[in-house]
Amino acid sequence: MKRQVSYQWRLREIMAEHGMFTATDLARPLAERGIALSSVQVWRLVTQSPERLSLPVLAALCDIFECTPTDLIATRAENAAPRRTATGETGGSADGVVPLRPKRARIDPNGG
């Protein structure tokens, strides 16, 4: 069974709890910790869920807000529903054996 994993980036919530409401509020504390990001990069960090995040940035955020990575990133994992085939079956039986499919017929032009 496949697992579907997802995450929720909670930086805005953590910022609001600490009285920060704009990306510019976060730029100076990051710079004080040696994180050199442009204003656009800070804005993206605040307003969007990052696909990639460097560990120095994560460590700086944890230091700024006195929190752990778990506070900033809420993860969820759940079993994925099996995919359905065109016949409405679910890609195999419980023992992992895939049902047999008929072979395409070949016509022998010589009648054999």
Protein backbone atom coordinates (compact mmCIF):
# COMPACT_ATOMS: atom_id res chain seq x y z
CA MET A 1 0.00 0.00 0.00
CA LYS A 2 1.37 3.41 -0.95
CA ARG A 3 1.52 6.28 1.54
CA GLN A 4 0.57 9.83 0.63
CA VAL A 5 2.58 12.44 2.53
CA SER A 6 1.88 16.15 2.73
CA TYR A 7 2.91 19.10 4.86
CA GLN A 8 1.61 22.47 5.98
CA TRP A 9 4.00 25.42 6.26
CA ARG A 10 3.01 27.28 9.42
CA LEU A 11 5.45 30.23 9.32
CA ARG A 12 2.69 32.86 9.02
CA GLU A 13 0.89 31.48 12.08
CA ILE A 14 4.11 31.44 14.11
CA MET A 15 4.95 34.97 12.98
CA ALA A 16 1.49 36.23 14.00
CA GLU A 17 1.89 34.65 17.44
CA HIS A 18 5.07 36.75 17.82
CA GLY A 19 3.55 40.00 16.53
CA MET A 20 5.09 39.88 13.05
CA PHE A 21 2.63 40.42 10.23
CA THR A 22 4.70 41.26 7.15
CA ALA A 23 7.68 39.77 5.38
CA THR A 24 9.71 42.90 6.10
CA ASP A 25 9.27 42.20 9.84
CA LEU A 26 11.18 38.95 9.31
CA ALA A 27 13.99 40.28 7.08
CA ARG A 28 16.00 41.99 9.83
CA PRO A 29 16.01 39.04 12.32
CA LEU A 30 17.12 36.75 9.49
CA ALA A 31 19.92 39.14 8.50
CA GLU A 32 21.04 39.36 12.16
CA ARG A 33 21.56 35.59 12.04
CA GLY A 34 23.62 35.71 8.83
CA ILE A 35 20.82 34.73 6.44
CA ALA A 36 21.12 36.98 3.38
CA LEU A 37 17.83 36.76 1.47
CA SER A 38 16.37 39.34 -0.89
CA SER A 39 13.06 40.94 0.02
CA VAL A 40 11.35 38.77 -2.64
CA GLN A 41 12.87 35.61 -1.18
CA VAL A 42 11.68 36.53 2.32
CA TRP A 43 8.22 37.34 0.94
CA ARG A 44 8.06 33.91 -0.78
CA LEU A 45 9.24 32.21 2.40
CA VAL A 46 6.41 33.86 4.33
CA THR A 47 3.59 33.62 1.78
CA GLN A 48 4.23 30.27 0.06
CA SER A 49 4.99 26.72 1.13
CA PRO A 50 8.64 26.12 0.23
CA GLU A 51 9.51 23.09 -1.90
CA ARG A 52 13.11 23.23 -0.62
CA LEU A 53 14.43 24.86 2.51
CA SER A 54 18.06 25.14 3.56
CA LEU A 55 18.93 23.99 7.05
CA PRO A 56 20.59 27.32 7.97
CA VAL A 57 17.33 29.14 7.17
CA LEU A 58 15.31 26.60 9.15
CA ALA A 59 17.69 26.89 12.09
CA ALA A 60 17.48 30.70 11.97
CA LEU A 61 13.67 30.60 11.93
CA CYS A 62 13.68 28.22 14.91
CA ASP A 63 16.04 30.58 16.77
CA ILE A 64 14.00 33.68 15.94
CA PHE A 65 10.73 32.16 17.13
CA GLU A 66 12.21 29.89 19.83
CA CYS A 67 10.49 26.89 18.30
CA THR A 68 11.31 23.55 16.70
CA PRO A 69 11.00 22.47 13.04
CA THR A 70 7.90 20.52 14.09
CA ASP A 71 6.23 23.82 15.04
CA LEU A 72 6.97 25.28 11.60
CA ILE A 73 6.16 22.21 9.49
CA ALA A 74 3.06 20.13 10.23
CA THR A 75 3.30 16.80 8.42
CA ARG A 76 0.63 14.26 7.55
CA ALA A 77 0.91 10.76 6.12
CA GLU A 78 -2.00 8.55 5.15
CA ASN A 79 -2.60 5.46 3.09
CA ALA A 80 -3.30 6.29 -0.54
CA ALA A 81 -6.39 4.79 -2.13
CA PRO A 82 -5.54 2.10 -4.69
CA ARG A 83 -5.76 3.26 -8.28
CA ARG A 84 -8.65 1.95 -10.31
CA THR A 85 -8.20 0.41 -13.74
CA ALA A 86 -10.47 0.86 -16.73
CA THR A 87 -12.35 -2.29 -15.72
CA GLY A 88 -13.09 -0.85 -12.29
CA GLU A 89 -10.74 -3.26 -10.53
CA THR A 90 -8.07 -2.10 -8.13
CA GLY A 91 -4.78 -3.15 -9.76
CA GLY A 92 -4.42 -6.60 -8.16
CA SER A 93 -5.71 -8.90 -5.48
CA ALA A 94 -4.80 -8.93 -1.80
CA ASP A 95 -2.03 -11.49 -2.31
CA GLY A 96 -0.29 -9.22 -4.86
CA VAL A 97 -1.13 -11.32 -7.93
CA VAL A 98 -2.25 -9.26 -10.89
CA PRO A 99 -5.28 -10.71 -12.73
CA LEU A 100 -4.54 -12.25 -16.15
CA ARG A 101 -5.41 -10.31 -19.28
CA PRO A 102 -6.36 -11.96 -22.57
CA LYS A 103 -3.79 -11.96 -25.38
CA ARG A 104 -4.53 -10.26 -28.66
CA ALA A 105 -5.43 -12.72 -31.40
CA ARG A 106 -3.09 -13.04 -34.40
CA ILE A 107 -4.46 -13.92 -37.81
CA ASP A 108 -2.24 -16.16 -39.89
CA PRO A 109 -2.67 -15.25 -43.58
CA ASN A 110 -1.64 -18.81 -44.56
CA GLY A 111 -4.57 -20.34 -42.65
CA GLY A 112 -2.35 -22.16 -40.18
